[in-house]
Amino acid sequence: MKIELALGITELSKRIKQDDFVRAVLSGRRRNMQPGFERVDIKPVMIKDEIKLQIISSDERQATTKNVELDFDFGPMLASGFANLQADTTSESYSIRVSKKDEALVAIGKVKLERVLNHDRIKQRLLAENNPIFKALEMSDVLGRIKPTKMDKYKQVEEFLRLLIPTIEDEVKDQDSLSIVDLGCGHAYLTFGVQEYFKDKYKNVSVLGVDERVDSKDHNEKVAAKLKVDAKFLAAKIADTPAQKVDIAIALHACDTATDDAIAWAVDNAAQVIMVAPCCMHELQTQVKEAPEP
């Protein structure tokens, strides 16, 4: 039967909060609308003797999981453009199908389902997806999930940290503060990620991000202001970065020969730790192409 979509969404939200709620599935997309994911699954889970609602959002590339409180507002998600919405309790299934004419059609049926509260273990991340830095960097959505377009960058930061942490623990000891210089920082995903991870391990963690682009400097300063952290940014070539004391020099995918410049600067400034991951090497590639085959 037909129903006003707003009323249907209210009813769905109510059922998700019920004590006998089993699962909900959101899929498809309404005409001229584009929800953030292809499919969303919602189910109750037990975490540390407390019931939460687990949201699993999926698209072609990956699935992200977030656990929320029972009073979480599902209204915006349910109204974001899905064409098929279904919520099941242990005894009843309530589903809405939005037609091409944008009419909401409701179907209610009897079911016999078991409410299972098992919680699948989520991979432990060094920085959780809902960390405030990712919101400030516009990498996460309103639910605190990393956006699909930013997932590769999120994983890059994660893996870089996993390599950096044991090195710092071995090489940088017996000091209260930590100074970090990110050479070729771009939009400072790694800069803020490294600072965020180490901020609770040292009394003070200061960072300097260096990038040639003025727009990157402006962007990063705005993010630092939002986060209220000790982070400074410089629009300059790596080789022109002023000499200074530095504990850790990092560079992730500094373009062309910028990685070489980063290593040279770090050595000249006696960095205790140098951690770099090279990017493209256009200058070398050109020389290889121009050189005759042996």
Protein backbone atom coordinates (compact mmCIF):
# COMPACT_ATOMS: atom_id res chain seq x y z
CA MET A 1 0.00 0.00 0.00
CA LYS A 2 1.06 3.61 -0.55
CA ILE A 3 2.36 5.68 2.32
CA GLU A 4 4.04 9.03 2.76
CA LEU A 5 7.76 8.33 2.69
CA ALA A 6 8.40 10.47 5.77
CA LEU A 7 5.91 8.38 7.76
CA GLY A 8 7.49 5.18 6.51
CA ILE A 9 10.95 6.36 7.53
CA THR A 10 9.64 7.24 10.98
CA GLU A 11 8.19 3.74 11.31
CA LEU A 12 11.45 2.15 10.16
CA SER A 13 13.44 4.19 12.66
CA LYS A 14 11.07 3.12 15.43
CA ARG A 15 11.47 -0.56 14.58
CA ILE A 16 15.27 -0.31 14.53
CA LYS A 17 15.11 0.88 18.15
CA GLN A 18 12.79 -1.93 19.33
CA ASP A 19 13.99 -4.64 21.71
CA ASP A 20 13.11 -7.35 19.16
CA PHE A 21 14.90 -5.68 16.20
CA VAL A 22 16.94 -8.17 14.15
CA ARG A 23 18.22 -6.42 11.04
CA ALA A 24 17.68 -3.66 8.51
CA VAL A 25 18.84 -3.41 4.91
CA LEU A 26 18.99 -0.30 2.72
CA SER A 27 19.75 -0.76 -0.97
CA GLY A 28 19.07 0.51 -4.48
CA ARG A 29 18.69 4.19 -5.24
CA ARG A 30 15.80 6.49 -5.89
CA ARG A 31 15.48 8.35 -9.15
CA ASN A 32 17.85 11.33 -9.40
CA MET A 33 19.35 10.56 -5.99
CA GLN A 34 22.69 9.08 -5.03
CA PRO A 35 23.09 7.63 -1.53
CA GLY A 36 26.60 7.44 -0.14
CA PHE A 37 26.78 3.64 -0.42
CA GLU A 38 25.24 0.89 -2.52
CA ARG A 39 24.01 -0.98 0.53
CA VAL A 40 23.76 -0.46 4.27
CA ASP A 41 23.14 -3.25 6.79
CA ILE A 42 22.13 -2.50 10.37
CA LYS A 43 22.01 -5.03 13.19
CA PRO A 44 22.18 -5.10 17.00
CA VAL A 45 25.43 -6.29 18.60
CA MET A 46 26.58 -6.84 22.16
CA ILE A 47 29.80 -5.00 23.05
CA LYS A 48 31.09 -5.13 26.62
CA ASP A 49 27.68 -6.14 27.97
CA GLU A 50 25.99 -3.24 26.21
CA ILE A 51 23.78 -3.42 23.12
CA LYS A 52 24.87 -1.22 20.22
CA LEU A 53 23.68 -0.89 16.64
CA GLN A 54 26.23 -1.89 14.03
CA ILE A 55 26.14 -0.12 10.66
CA ILE A 56 27.93 -1.82 7.75
CA SER A 57 28.12 0.40 4.67
CA SER A 58 29.21 -1.21 1.42
CA ASP A 59 30.07 -0.24 -2.13
CA GLU A 60 32.01 -1.91 -4.93
CA ARG A 61 35.38 -1.20 -3.33
CA GLN A 62 35.00 -1.90 0.35
CA ALA A 63 32.79 -2.08 3.41
CA THR A 64 33.09 0.08 6.51
CA THR A 65 31.69 -0.71 9.94
CA LYS A 66 30.59 1.62 12.71
CA ASN A 67 28.89 0.92 16.03
CA VAL A 68 26.47 3.52 17.37
CA GLU A 69 24.28 4.01 20.42
CA LEU A 70 20.63 2.95 20.45
CA ASP A 71 19.49 6.57 20.33
CA PHE A 72 21.36 7.23 17.07
CA ASP A 73 19.29 9.26 14.57
CA PHE A 74 18.84 7.10 11.47
CA GLY A 75 16.49 9.59 9.79
CA PRO A 76 19.06 11.28 7.50
CA MET A 77 20.47 7.93 6.40
CA LEU A 78 17.05 6.45 5.64
CA ALA A 79 16.11 9.55 3.63
CA SER A 80 19.42 9.80 1.74
CA GLY A 81 18.14 8.20 -1.47
CA PHE A 82 17.78 4.44 -1.03
CA ALA A 83 14.94 2.87 -3.02
CA ASN A 84 14.54 -0.25 -0.89
CA LEU A 85 14.38 -0.09 2.89
CA GLN A 86 13.57 -3.03 5.13
CA ALA A 87 13.56 -3.56 8.89
CA ASP A 88 12.89 -6.96 10.45
CA THR A 89 11.98 -7.81 14.01
CA THR A 90 11.75 -11.33 15.36
CA SER A 91 8.12 -11.58 14.20
CA GLU A 92 7.51 -8.99 11.48
CA SER A 93 9.14 -7.60 8.35
CA TYR A 94 8.45 -3.99 7.38
CA SER A 95 9.68 -2.89 3.94
CA ILE A 96 9.40 0.19 1.78
CA ARG A 97 9.96 0.28 -1.96
CA VAL A 98 10.19 3.68 -3.62
CA SER A 99 8.94 3.51 -7.21
CA LYS A 100 10.27 5.38 -10.25
CA LYS A 101 7.42 7.83 -9.70
CA ASP A 102 8.87 8.42 -6.22
CA GLU A 103 5.90 6.78 -4.53
CA ALA A 104 6.53 4.86 -1.32
CA LEU A 105 4.94 1.40 -1.23
CA VAL A 106 4.86 -0.47 2.08
CA ALA A 107 4.68 -4.21 2.65
CA ILE A 108 4.32 -5.86 6.05
CA GLY A 109 4.78 -9.58 6.55
CA LYS A 110 5.10 -12.16 9.29
CA VAL A 111 8.50 -13.75 9.92
CA LYS A 112 10.21 -15.92 12.52
CA LEU A 113 13.73 -14.68 13.15
CA GLU A 114 16.22 -15.00 15.96
CA ARG A 115 17.87 -11.93 17.45
CA VAL A 116 21.64 -12.63 17.44
CA LEU A 117 23.96 -10.22 19.22
CA ASN A 118 27.34 -11.67 18.27
CA HIS A 119 29.93 -9.00 17.52
CA ASP A 120 32.38 -9.65 14.70
CA ARG A 121 35.83 -8.40 15.65
CA ILE A 122 36.87 -5.32 13.72
CA LYS A 123 40.48 -4.87 12.67
CA GLN A 124 42.24 -2.65 15.16
CA ARG A 125 43.38 0.59 13.58
CA LEU A 126 46.07 2.87 14.95
CA LEU A 127 43.76 5.80 14.26
CA ALA A 128 40.05 5.03 14.23
CA GLU A 129 37.97 6.15 11.27
CA ASN A 130 35.96 8.46 13.51
CA ASN A 131 39.06 10.26 14.80
CA PRO A 132 38.45 14.05 14.69
CA ILE A 133 41.43 14.66 12.39
CA PHE A 134 39.73 12.79 9.56
CA LYS A 135 36.61 14.90 9.96
CA ALA A 136 38.71 18.08 9.86
CA LEU A 137 40.53 16.77 6.78
CA GLU A 138 37.16 15.96 5.15
CA MET A 139 38.14 12.30 4.85
CA SER A 140 35.19 10.98 6.88
CA ASP A 141 31.43 11.35 6.53
CA VAL A 142 28.77 12.37 9.05
CA LEU A 143 28.82 8.88 10.58
CA GLY A 144 32.56 9.00 11.15
CA ARG A 145 33.34 6.58 8.32
CA ILE A 146 36.18 7.13 5.88
CA LYS A 147 34.78 8.12 2.49
CA PRO A 148 35.43 5.55 -0.28
CA THR A 149 37.44 8.11 -2.25
CA LYS A 150 39.72 8.65 0.76
CA MET A 151 40.14 5.02 1.85
CA ASP A 152 43.45 4.55 -0.01
CA LYS A 153 44.88 7.63 1.68
CA TYR A 154 43.63 6.42 5.07
CA LYS A 155 45.37 3.07 4.55
CA GLN A 156 48.56 4.82 3.43
CA VAL A 157 48.68 6.79 6.66
CA GLU A 158 47.96 3.62 8.65
CA GLU A 159 50.76 1.61 7.04
CA PHE A 160 53.25 4.47 7.25
CA LEU A 161 52.53 4.75 10.98
CA ARG A 162 53.01 1.01 11.46
CA LEU A 163 56.50 1.34 9.98
CA LEU A 164 57.33 4.56 11.81
CA ILE A 165 56.25 3.61 15.34
CA PRO A 166 58.80 0.86 16.12
CA THR A 167 61.59 2.97 14.62
CA ILE A 168 60.75 5.92 16.87
CA GLU A 169 60.45 3.67 19.90
CA ASP A 170 63.97 2.39 19.21
CA GLU A 171 65.67 5.62 18.18
CA VAL A 172 63.90 8.49 19.98
CA LYS A 173 64.09 7.92 23.72
CA ASP A 174 64.24 9.79 27.01
CA GLN A 175 62.71 13.05 25.83
CA ASP A 176 59.45 14.83 26.59
CA SER A 177 58.90 16.53 23.25
CA LEU A 178 58.93 15.45 19.64
CA SER A 179 59.53 17.61 16.57
CA ILE A 180 58.39 16.37 13.17
CA VAL A 181 58.98 17.86 9.73
CA ASP A 182 56.88 16.56 6.82
CA LEU A 183 58.66 17.41 3.58
CA GLY A 184 56.30 17.61 0.62
CA CYS A 185 53.26 17.36 2.90
CA GLY A 186 50.50 18.13 0.37
CA HIS A 187 47.22 18.34 2.27
CA ALA A 188 48.93 17.02 5.40
CA TYR A 189 47.03 13.76 5.87
CA LEU A 190 50.20 12.12 7.15
CA THR A 191 51.34 15.24 9.04
CA PHE A 192 48.23 15.36 11.20
CA GLY A 193 48.07 11.57 11.45
CA VAL A 194 51.57 11.27 12.90
CA GLN A 195 50.97 14.14 15.31
CA GLU A 196 47.65 12.68 16.44
CA TYR A 197 49.14 9.28 17.18
CA PHE A 198 52.10 10.57 19.20
CA LYS A 199 50.37 13.42 21.05
CA ASP A 200 49.53 11.21 24.04
CA LYS A 201 53.03 9.73 24.20
CA TYR A 202 54.92 13.03 24.51
CA LYS A 203 54.19 16.24 26.40
CA ASN A 204 54.52 18.23 23.21
CA VAL A 205 54.46 17.17 19.57
CA SER A 206 55.18 19.97 17.12
CA VAL A 207 55.00 19.57 13.36
CA LEU A 208 56.10 21.56 10.36
CA GLY A 209 54.67 20.75 6.95
CA VAL A 210 56.52 21.94 3.86
CA ASP A 211 55.01 22.10 0.39
CA GLU A 212 55.58 24.33 -2.62
CA ARG A 213 51.88 25.04 -3.12
CA VAL A 214 50.45 28.06 -1.33
CA ASP A 215 46.93 26.61 -1.47
CA SER A 216 48.15 23.55 0.46
CA LYS A 217 49.63 25.81 3.14
CA ASP A 218 46.36 27.75 3.44
CA HIS A 219 44.30 24.56 3.60
CA ASN A 220 46.52 22.96 6.23
CA GLU A 221 46.56 26.05 8.44
CA LYS A 222 42.75 26.03 8.48
CA VAL A 223 42.73 22.36 9.50
CA ALA A 224 45.28 23.03 12.25
CA ALA A 225 43.10 25.87 13.54
CA LYS A 226 40.08 23.55 13.66
CA LEU A 227 42.04 20.92 15.57
CA LYS A 228 43.81 23.47 17.79
CA VAL A 229 47.17 21.73 17.42
CA ASP A 230 50.78 22.92 17.28
CA ALA A 231 51.24 22.62 13.53
CA LYS A 232 52.92 25.12 11.23
CA PHE A 233 53.13 25.10 7.45
CA LEU A 234 55.53 26.61 4.97
CA ALA A 235 55.08 27.21 1.25
CA ALA A 236 58.58 26.57 -0.08
CA LYS A 237 60.77 24.12 -1.92
CA ILE A 238 62.15 21.39 0.31
CA ALA A 239 65.72 22.51 -0.35
CA ASP A 240 64.81 26.03 0.82
CA THR A 241 63.35 24.89 4.16
CA PRO A 242 65.14 26.75 6.99
CA ALA A 243 67.62 24.73 9.04
CA GLN A 244 66.23 23.66 12.42
CA LYS A 245 66.28 20.96 15.06
CA VAL A 246 64.19 17.98 14.02
CA ASP A 247 63.64 14.58 15.58
CA ILE A 248 61.75 12.98 12.71
CA ALA A 249 61.78 13.87 9.02
CA ILE A 250 59.11 12.19 6.90
CA ALA A 251 58.13 12.30 3.25
CA LEU A 252 55.34 10.27 1.69
CA HIS A 253 55.30 10.21 -2.11
CA ALA A 254 57.20 13.47 -2.56
CA CYS A 255 57.08 13.91 -6.33
CA ASP A 256 59.99 13.35 -8.72
CA THR A 257 63.37 14.15 -7.08
CA ALA A 258 61.73 15.76 -4.03
CA THR A 259 62.38 12.57 -2.07
CA ASP A 260 66.11 13.09 -2.65
CA ASP A 261 65.76 16.69 -1.47
CA ALA A 262 63.93 15.46 1.64
CA ILE A 263 66.69 12.99 2.49
CA ALA A 264 69.38 15.63 1.93
CA TRP A 265 67.60 18.17 4.14
CA ALA A 266 67.03 15.59 6.89
CA VAL A 267 70.69 14.55 6.88
CA ASP A 268 71.90 18.16 6.93
CA ASN A 269 69.66 18.86 9.93
CA ALA A 270 70.70 15.72 11.83
CA ALA A 271 67.24 14.16 12.04
CA GLN A 272 67.21 11.20 14.43
CA VAL A 273 64.77 9.33 12.18
CA ILE A 274 64.29 9.67 8.42
CA MET A 275 61.29 7.83 6.99
CA VAL A 276 60.49 8.35 3.31
CA ALA A 277 58.45 6.55 0.67
CA PRO A 278 59.42 7.65 -2.86
CA CYS A 279 56.92 8.56 -5.56
CA CYS A 280 57.37 8.95 -9.31
CA MET A 281 60.87 9.66 -10.62
CA HIS A 282 60.19 11.59 -13.82
CA GLU A 283 63.74 12.87 -14.16
CA LEU A 284 65.25 9.39 -13.95
CA GLN A 285 62.59 7.92 -16.22
CA THR A 286 63.39 10.52 -18.86
CA GLN A 287 67.09 9.71 -18.67
CA VAL A 288 66.39 5.99 -18.96
CA LYS A 289 64.26 6.54 -22.05
CA GLU A 290 66.87 8.78 -23.66
CA ALA A 291 69.81 6.49 -22.93
CA PRO A 292 70.59 3.96 -25.67
CA GLU A 293 70.08 0.30 -24.93
CA PRO A 294 73.32 -1.57 -24.14
